[in-house]
Amino acid sequence: MSISEGTKYQISKVIQGNFNSAESFTVTAYNGVTVQFTLSEGKGHGSMPIEHLNYLLKRSNLTIIPHKRTLLNTADEEQII
């Protein structure tokens, strides 16, 4: 899994309390060890070790929200085939 700036994650309702009740966050910086992010709805910002992010993804507490451009590219490919 590659982590890059601008990647958006949806936060499950189970752990939203740990993220100021935000529904999602967007990665603002990644240095290989730590991920910095901003919470949606202007609810703040934070950081976490990459190991913790991977743990939350593994437990399905976070899910990646695909970029709209990726969805458009996939739809175009399906129409071409």
PDB file of N, CA and C in Angstrom:
ATOM      1  N   MET A   1       0.844  -1.178   0.000  1.00  0.00           N
ATOM      2  CA  MET A   1       0.000   0.000   0.000  1.00  0.00           C
ATOM      3  C   MET A   1       0.885   1.235   0.000  1.00  0.00           C
ATOM      4  N   SER A   2       0.645   2.119  -0.928  1.00  0.00           N
ATOM      5  CA  SER A   2       1.423   3.348  -0.970  1.00  0.00           C
ATOM      6  C   SER A   2       0.603   4.480  -0.361  1.00  0.00           C
ATOM      7  N   ILE A   3       1.253   5.229   0.487  1.00  0.00           N
ATOM      8  CA  ILE A   3       0.606   6.363   1.141  1.00  0.00           C
ATOM      9  C   ILE A   3       1.175   7.623   0.503  1.00  0.00           C
ATOM     10  N   SER A   4       0.290   8.514   0.101  1.00  0.00           N
ATOM     11  CA  SER A   4       0.754   9.759  -0.494  1.00  0.00           C
ATOM     12  C   SER A   4      -0.097  10.916   0.013  1.00  0.00           C
ATOM     13  N   GLU A   5       0.442  12.102  -0.129  1.00  0.00           N
ATOM     14  CA  GLU A   5      -0.298  13.287   0.277  1.00  0.00           C
ATOM     15  C   GLU A   5      -1.572  13.392  -0.539  1.00  0.00           C
ATOM     16  N   GLY A   6      -2.650  13.765   0.110  1.00  0.00           N
ATOM     17  CA  GLY A   6      -3.926  13.904  -0.561  1.00  0.00           C
ATOM     18  C   GLY A   6      -4.808  12.679  -0.451  1.00  0.00           C
ATOM     19  N   THR A   7      -4.265  11.563   0.051  1.00  0.00           N
ATOM     20  CA  THR A   7      -5.082  10.360   0.223  1.00  0.00           C
ATOM     21  C   THR A   7      -6.099  10.616   1.319  1.00  0.00           C
ATOM     22  N   LYS A   8      -7.343  10.236   1.055  1.00  0.00           N
ATOM     23  CA  LYS A   8      -8.422  10.488   1.998  1.00  0.00           C
ATOM     24  C   LYS A   8      -8.912   9.165   2.573  1.00  0.00           C
ATOM     25  N   TYR A   9      -9.144   9.132   3.881  1.00  0.00           N
ATOM     26  CA  TYR A   9      -9.604   7.939   4.575  1.00  0.00           C
ATOM     27  C   TYR A   9     -10.916   8.222   5.285  1.00  0.00           C
ATOM     28  N   GLN A  10     -11.847   7.278   5.204  1.00  0.00           N
ATOM     29  CA  GLN A  10     -13.095   7.372   5.946  1.00  0.00           C
ATOM     30  C   GLN A  10     -12.895   6.696   7.289  1.00  0.00           C
ATOM     31  N   ILE A  11     -13.376   7.333   8.356  1.00  0.00           N
ATOM     32  CA  ILE A  11     -13.223   6.822   9.715  1.00  0.00           C
ATOM     33  C   ILE A  11     -14.511   6.112  10.110  1.00  0.00           C
ATOM     34  N   SER A  12     -14.402   4.878  10.601  1.00  0.00           N
ATOM     35  CA  SER A  12     -15.606   4.132  11.006  1.00  0.00           C
ATOM     36  C   SER A  12     -16.222   4.781  12.240  1.00  0.00           C
ATOM     37  N   LYS A  13     -17.509   4.582  12.405  1.00  0.00           N
ATOM     38  CA  LYS A  13     -18.229   5.181  13.529  1.00  0.00           C
ATOM     39  C   LYS A  13     -17.678   4.708  14.873  1.00  0.00           C
ATOM     40  N   VAL A  14     -17.127   3.500  14.906  1.00  0.00           N
ATOM     41  CA  VAL A  14     -16.604   2.929  16.148  1.00  0.00           C
ATOM     42  C   VAL A  14     -15.487   3.777  16.742  1.00  0.00           C
ATOM     43  N   ILE A  15     -14.635   4.360  15.895  1.00  0.00           N
ATOM     44  CA  ILE A  15     -13.487   5.119  16.413  1.00  0.00           C
ATOM     45  C   ILE A  15     -13.569   6.621  16.125  1.00  0.00           C
ATOM     46  N   GLN A  16     -14.699   7.105  15.635  1.00  0.00           N
ATOM     47  CA  GLN A  16     -14.803   8.539  15.341  1.00  0.00           C
ATOM     48  C   GLN A  16     -14.573   9.396  16.579  1.00  0.00           C
ATOM     49  N   GLY A  17     -14.897   8.880  17.748  1.00  0.00           N
ATOM     50  CA  GLY A  17     -14.667   9.618  18.990  1.00  0.00           C
ATOM     51  C   GLY A  17     -13.196   9.918  19.222  1.00  0.00           C
ATOM     52  N   ASN A  18     -12.323   9.075  18.694  1.00  0.00           N
ATOM     53  CA  ASN A  18     -10.882   9.296  18.834  1.00  0.00           C
ATOM     54  C   ASN A  18     -10.373  10.353  17.860  1.00  0.00           C
ATOM     55  N   PHE A  19     -11.202  10.750  16.911  1.00  0.00           N
ATOM     56  CA  PHE A  19     -10.814  11.721  15.886  1.00  0.00           C
ATOM     57  C   PHE A  19     -11.740  12.932  15.910  1.00  0.00           C
ATOM     58  N   ASN A  20     -12.097  13.408  17.094  1.00  0.00           N
ATOM     59  CA  ASN A  20     -12.968  14.580  17.260  1.00  0.00           C
ATOM     60  C   ASN A  20     -14.282  14.442  16.494  1.00  0.00           C
ATOM     61  N   SER A  21     -14.784  13.225  16.395  1.00  0.00           N
ATOM     62  CA  SER A  21     -16.041  12.903  15.705  1.00  0.00           C
ATOM     63  C   SER A  21     -16.031  13.261  14.225  1.00  0.00           C
ATOM     64  N   ALA A  22     -14.850  13.357  13.632  1.00  0.00           N
ATOM     65  CA  ALA A  22     -14.750  13.620  12.190  1.00  0.00           C
ATOM     66  C   ALA A  22     -15.083  12.341  11.420  1.00  0.00           C
ATOM     67  N   GLU A  23     -15.632  12.508  10.229  1.00  0.00           N
ATOM     68  CA  GLU A  23     -15.997  11.360   9.410  1.00  0.00           C
ATOM     69  C   GLU A  23     -14.850  10.896   8.523  1.00  0.00           C
ATOM     70  N   SER A  24     -13.863  11.772   8.279  1.00  0.00           N
ATOM     71  CA  SER A  24     -12.748  11.402   7.417  1.00  0.00           C
ATOM     72  C   SER A  24     -11.543  12.279   7.724  1.00  0.00           C
ATOM     73  N   PHE A  25     -10.393  11.878   7.176  1.00  0.00           N
ATOM     74  CA  PHE A  25      -9.211  12.723   7.239  1.00  0.00           C
ATOM     75  C   PHE A  25      -8.410  12.589   5.956  1.00  0.00           C
ATOM     76  N   THR A  26      -7.597  13.596   5.685  1.00  0.00           N
ATOM     77  CA  THR A  26      -6.779  13.647   4.478  1.00  0.00           C
ATOM     78  C   THR A  26      -5.316  13.759   4.877  1.00  0.00           C
ATOM     79  N   VAL A  27      -4.475  12.923   4.278  1.00  0.00           N
ATOM     80  CA  VAL A  27      -3.047  12.936   4.561  1.00  0.00           C
ATOM     81  C   VAL A  27      -2.440  14.221   3.998  1.00  0.00           C
ATOM     82  N   THR A  28      -1.698  14.939   4.847  1.00  0.00           N
ATOM     83  CA  THR A  28      -1.032  16.160   4.404  1.00  0.00           C
ATOM     84  C   THR A  28       0.467  15.963   4.256  1.00  0.00           C
ATOM     85  N   ALA A  29       1.046  15.009   4.994  1.00  0.00           N
ATOM     86  CA  ALA A  29       2.481  14.747   4.892  1.00  0.00           C
ATOM     87  C   ALA A  29       2.769  13.311   5.323  1.00  0.00           C
ATOM     88  N   TYR A  30       3.779  12.722   4.700  1.00  0.00           N
ATOM     89  CA  TYR A  30       4.204  11.367   5.022  1.00  0.00           C
ATOM     90  C   TYR A  30       5.710  11.298   4.855  1.00  0.00           C
ATOM     91  N   ASN A  31       6.417  10.959   5.941  1.00  0.00           N
ATOM     92  CA  ASN A  31       7.878  10.937   5.882  1.00  0.00           C
ATOM     93  C   ASN A  31       8.456   9.523   5.976  1.00  0.00           C
ATOM     94  N   GLY A  32       7.626   8.497   5.829  1.00  0.00           N
ATOM     95  CA  GLY A  32       8.096   7.127   5.910  1.00  0.00           C
ATOM     96  C   GLY A  32       7.898   6.514   7.283  1.00  0.00           C
ATOM     97  N   VAL A  33       7.768   7.344   8.304  1.00  0.00           N
ATOM     98  CA  VAL A  33       7.588   6.864   9.670  1.00  0.00           C
ATOM     99  C   VAL A  33       6.259   7.349  10.247  1.00  0.00           C
ATOM    100  N   THR A  34       5.909   8.590   9.951  1.00  0.00           N
ATOM    101  CA  THR A  34       4.718   9.223  10.509  1.00  0.00           C
ATOM    102  C   THR A  34       3.839   9.795   9.412  1.00  0.00           C
ATOM    103  N   VAL A  35       2.543   9.781   9.665  1.00  0.00           N
ATOM    104  CA  VAL A  35       1.564  10.369   8.753  1.00  0.00           C
ATOM    105  C   VAL A  35       0.929  11.553   9.452  1.00  0.00           C
ATOM    106  N   GLN A  36       0.935  12.712   8.800  1.00  0.00           N
ATOM    107  CA  GLN A  36       0.230  13.880   9.318  1.00  0.00           C
ATOM    108  C   GLN A  36      -1.050  14.033   8.511  1.00  0.00           C
ATOM    109  N   PHE A  37      -2.120  14.492   9.165  1.00  0.00           N
ATOM    110  CA  PHE A  37      -3.411  14.579   8.492  1.00  0.00           C
ATOM    111  C   PHE A  37      -4.231  15.731   9.031  1.00  0.00           C
ATOM    112  N   THR A  38      -5.232  16.128   8.240  1.00  0.00           N
ATOM    113  CA  THR A  38      -6.234  17.091   8.689  1.00  0.00           C
ATOM    114  C   THR A  38      -7.580  16.391   8.698  1.00  0.00           C
ATOM    115  N   LEU A  39      -8.345  16.664   9.721  1.00  0.00           N
ATOM    116  CA  LEU A  39      -9.674  16.066   9.853  1.00  0.00           C
ATOM    117  C   LEU A  39     -10.686  16.848   9.025  1.00  0.00           C
ATOM    118  N   SER A  40     -11.709  16.155   8.554  1.00  0.00           N
ATOM    119  CA  SER A  40     -12.752  16.815   7.772  1.00  0.00           C
ATOM    120  C   SER A  40     -13.575  17.732   8.666  1.00  0.00           C
ATOM    121  N   GLU A  41     -14.374  18.543   8.036  1.00  0.00           N
ATOM    122  CA  GLU A  41     -15.256  19.495   8.711  1.00  0.00           C
ATOM    123  C   GLU A  41     -14.492  20.465   9.596  1.00  0.00           C
ATOM    124  N   GLY A  42     -13.187  20.675   9.323  1.00  0.00           N
ATOM    125  CA  GLY A  42     -12.398  21.611  10.103  1.00  0.00           C
ATOM    126  C   GLY A  42     -12.251  21.235  11.566  1.00  0.00           C
ATOM    127  N   LYS A  43     -12.266  19.937  11.868  1.00  0.00           N
ATOM    128  CA  LYS A  43     -12.238  19.483  13.258  1.00  0.00           C
ATOM    129  C   LYS A  43     -10.837  19.288  13.810  1.00  0.00           C
ATOM    130  N   GLY A  44      -9.826  19.736  13.076  1.00  0.00           N
ATOM    131  CA  GLY A  44      -8.482  19.681  13.623  1.00  0.00           C
ATOM    132  C   GLY A  44      -7.502  18.949  12.731  1.00  0.00           C
ATOM    133  N   HIS A  45      -6.383  18.581  13.341  1.00  0.00           N
ATOM    134  CA  HIS A  45      -5.327  17.884  12.622  1.00  0.00           C
ATOM    135  C   HIS A  45      -4.597  16.971  13.604  1.00  0.00           C
ATOM    136  N   GLY A  46      -3.741  16.125  13.081  1.00  0.00           N
ATOM    137  CA  GLY A  46      -2.994  15.236  13.955  1.00  0.00           C
ATOM    138  C   GLY A  46      -1.962  14.456  13.184  1.00  0.00           C
ATOM    139  N   SER A  47      -1.359  13.499  13.862  1.00  0.00           N
ATOM    140  CA  SER A  47      -0.381  12.626  13.235  1.00  0.00           C
ATOM    141  C   SER A  47      -0.412  11.281  13.943  1.00  0.00           C
ATOM    142  N   MET A  48       0.104  10.270  13.267  1.00  0.00           N
ATOM    143  CA  MET A  48       0.188   8.941  13.865  1.00  0.00           C
ATOM    144  C   MET A  48       1.306   8.169  13.179  1.00  0.00           C
ATOM    145  N   PRO A  49       1.875   7.204  13.897  1.00  0.00           N
ATOM    146  CA  PRO A  49       2.889   6.353  13.263  1.00  0.00           C
ATOM    147  C   PRO A  49       2.259   5.512  12.153  1.00  0.00           C
ATOM    148  N   ILE A  50       3.027   5.211  11.150  1.00  0.00           N
ATOM    149  CA  ILE A  50       2.532   4.430  10.022  1.00  0.00           C
ATOM    150  C   ILE A  50       2.043   3.054  10.471  1.00  0.00           C
ATOM    151  N   GLU A  51       2.690   2.476  11.496  1.00  0.00           N
ATOM    152  CA  GLU A  51       2.261   1.171  11.999  1.00  0.00           C
ATOM    153  C   GLU A  51       0.829   1.229  12.515  1.00  0.00           C
ATOM    154  N   HIS A  52       0.474   2.342  13.171  1.00  0.00           N
ATOM    155  CA  HIS A  52      -0.883   2.480  13.701  1.00  0.00           C
ATOM    156  C   HIS A  52      -1.896   2.652  12.565  1.00  0.00           C
ATOM    157  N   LEU A  53      -1.528   3.410  11.546  1.00  0.00           N
ATOM    158  CA  LEU A  53      -2.410   3.562  10.385  1.00  0.00           C
ATOM    159  C   LEU A  53      -2.670   2.199   9.738  1.00  0.00           C
ATOM    160  N   ASN A  54      -1.618   1.416   9.553  1.00  0.00           N
ATOM    161  CA  ASN A  54      -1.783   0.076   8.973  1.00  0.00           C
ATOM    162  C   ASN A  54      -2.656  -0.812   9.847  1.00  0.00           C
ATOM    163  N   TYR A  55      -2.516  -0.698  11.170  1.00  0.00           N
ATOM    164  CA  TYR A  55      -3.343  -1.455  12.111  1.00  0.00           C
ATOM    165  C   TYR A  55      -4.820  -1.082  11.957  1.00  0.00           C
ATOM    166  N   LEU A  56      -5.107   0.216  11.865  1.00  0.00           N
ATOM    167  CA  LEU A  56      -6.493   0.660  11.715  1.00  0.00           C
ATOM    168  C   LEU A  56      -7.080   0.210  10.377  1.00  0.00           C
ATOM    169  N   LEU A  57      -6.262   0.213   9.331  1.00  0.00           N
ATOM    170  CA  LEU A  57      -6.727  -0.282   8.028  1.00  0.00           C
ATOM    171  C   LEU A  57      -7.012  -1.775   8.086  1.00  0.00           C
ATOM    172  N   LYS A  58      -6.146  -2.518   8.746  1.00  0.00           N
ATOM    173  CA  LYS A  58      -6.302  -3.972   8.864  1.00  0.00           C
ATOM    174  C   LYS A  58      -7.582  -4.325   9.619  1.00  0.00           C
ATOM    175  N   ARG A  59      -7.910  -3.552  10.637  1.00  0.00           N
ATOM    176  CA  ARG A  59      -9.122  -3.792  11.429  1.00  0.00           C
ATOM    177  C   ARG A  59     -10.376  -3.201  10.789  1.00  0.00           C
ATOM    178  N   SER A  60     -10.230  -2.604   9.635  1.00  0.00           N
ATOM    179  CA  SER A  60     -11.341  -1.967   8.917  1.00  0.00           C
ATOM    180  C   SER A  60     -11.924  -0.772   9.665  1.00  0.00           C
ATOM    181  N   ASN A  61     -11.124  -0.143  10.522  1.00  0.00           N
ATOM    182  CA  ASN A  61     -11.555   1.091  11.172  1.00  0.00           C
ATOM    183  C   ASN A  61     -11.366   2.291  10.261  1.00  0.00           C
ATOM    184  N   LEU A  62     -10.504   2.142   9.260  1.00  0.00           N
ATOM    185  CA  LEU A  62     -10.301   3.154   8.233  1.00  0.00           C
ATOM    186  C   LEU A  62     -10.456   2.498   6.877  1.00  0.00           C
ATOM    187  N   THR A  63     -11.025   3.231   5.937  1.00  0.00           N
ATOM    188  CA  THR A  63     -11.091   2.760   4.551  1.00  0.00           C
ATOM    189  C   THR A  63     -10.672   3.905   3.640  1.00  0.00           C
ATOM    190  N   ILE A  64      -9.967   3.558   2.592  1.00  0.00           N
ATOM    191  CA  ILE A  64      -9.501   4.566   1.643  1.00  0.00           C
ATOM    192  C   ILE A  64     -10.679   5.030   0.788  1.00  0.00           C
ATOM    193  N   ILE A  65     -10.810   6.333   0.656  1.00  0.00           N
ATOM    194  CA  ILE A  65     -11.811   6.910  -0.243  1.00  0.00           C
ATOM    195  C   ILE A  65     -11.101   7.160  -1.561  1.00  0.00           C
ATOM    196  N   PRO A  66     -11.488   6.461  -2.621  1.00  0.00           N
ATOM    197  CA  PRO A  66     -10.777   6.631  -3.899  1.00  0.00           C
ATOM    198  C   PRO A  66     -10.958   8.039  -4.458  1.00  0.00           C
ATOM    199  N   HIS A  67      -9.921   8.510  -5.151  1.00  0.00           N
ATOM    200  CA  HIS A  67      -9.998   9.802  -5.820  1.00  0.00           C
ATOM    201  C   HIS A  67     -11.035   9.721  -6.935  1.00  0.00           C
ATOM    202  N   LYS A  68     -11.736  10.793  -7.187  1.00  0.00           N
ATOM    203  CA  LYS A  68     -12.734  10.811  -8.258  1.00  0.00           C
ATOM    204  C   LYS A  68     -12.093  10.555  -9.609  1.00  0.00           C
ATOM    205  N   ARG A  69     -10.876  11.023  -9.796  1.00  0.00           N
ATOM    206  CA  ARG A  69     -10.184  10.816 -11.072  1.00  0.00           C
ATOM    207  C   ARG A  69      -9.957   9.318 -11.306  1.00  0.00           C
ATOM    208  N   THR A  70      -9.612   8.575 -10.253  1.00  0.00           N
ATOM    209  CA  THR A  70      -9.404   7.135 -10.373  1.00  0.00           C
ATOM    210  C   THR A  70     -10.697   6.452 -10.795  1.00  0.00           C
ATOM    211  N   LEU A  71     -11.806   6.875 -10.207  1.00  0.00           N
ATOM    212  CA  LEU A  71     -13.097   6.292 -10.562  1.00  0.00           C
ATOM    213  C   LEU A  71     -13.442   6.588 -12.018  1.00  0.00           C
ATOM    214  N   LEU A  72     -13.156   7.805 -12.474  1.00  0.00           N
ATOM    215  CA  LEU A  72     -13.436   8.159 -13.863  1.00  0.00           C
ATOM    216  C   LEU A  72     -12.582   7.340 -14.821  1.00  0.00           C
ATOM    217  N   ASN A  73     -11.302   7.168 -14.496  1.00  0.00           N
ATOM    218  CA  ASN A  73     -10.418   6.380 -15.344  1.00  0.00           C
ATOM    219  C   ASN A  73     -10.879   4.935 -15.439  1.00  0.00           C
ATOM    220  N   THR A  74     -11.328   4.358 -14.347  1.00  0.00           N
ATOM    221  CA  THR A  74     -11.813   2.980 -14.338  1.00  0.00           C
ATOM    222  C   THR A  74     -13.077   2.861 -15.185  1.00  0.00           C
ATOM    223  N   ALA A  75     -13.977   3.820 -15.072  1.00  0.00           N
ATOM    224  CA  ALA A  75     -15.219   3.778 -15.846  1.00  0.00           C
ATOM    225  C   ALA A  75     -14.925   3.884 -17.339  1.00  0.00           C
ATOM    226  N   ASP A  76     -13.958   4.728 -17.727  1.00  0.00           N
ATOM    227  CA  ASP A  76     -13.595   4.861 -19.125  1.00  0.00           C
ATOM    228  C   ASP A  76     -13.025   3.562 -19.668  1.00  0.00           C
ATOM    229  N   GLU A  77     -12.182   2.877 -18.908  1.00  0.00           N
ATOM    230  CA  GLU A  77     -11.585   1.628 -19.339  1.00  0.00           C
ATOM    231  C   GLU A  77     -12.644   0.558 -19.559  1.00  0.00           C
ATOM    232  N   GLU A  78     -13.663   0.532 -18.688  1.00  0.00           N
ATOM    233  CA  GLU A  78     -14.722  -0.468 -18.816  1.00  0.00           C
ATOM    234  C   GLU A  78     -15.543  -0.226 -20.089  1.00  0.00           C
ATOM    235  N   GLN A  79     -15.735   1.030 -20.453  1.00  0.00           N
ATOM    236  CA  GLN A  79     -16.502   1.333 -21.654  1.00  0.00           C
ATOM    237  C   GLN A  79     -15.723   0.991 -22.916  1.00  0.00           C
ATOM    238  N   ILE A  80     -14.414   1.125 -22.865  1.00  0.00           N
ATOM    239  CA  ILE A  80     -13.582   0.838 -24.027  1.00  0.00           C
ATOM    240  C   ILE A  80     -13.557  -0.651 -24.325  1.00  0.00           C
ATOM    241  N   ILE A  81     -13.533  -1.460 -23.296  1.00  0.00           N
ATOM    242  CA  ILE A  81     -13.414  -2.910 -23.456  1.00  0.00           C
ATOM    243  C   ILE A  81     -14.650  -3.504 -23.988  1.00  0.00           C
TER     244      ILE A  81
END
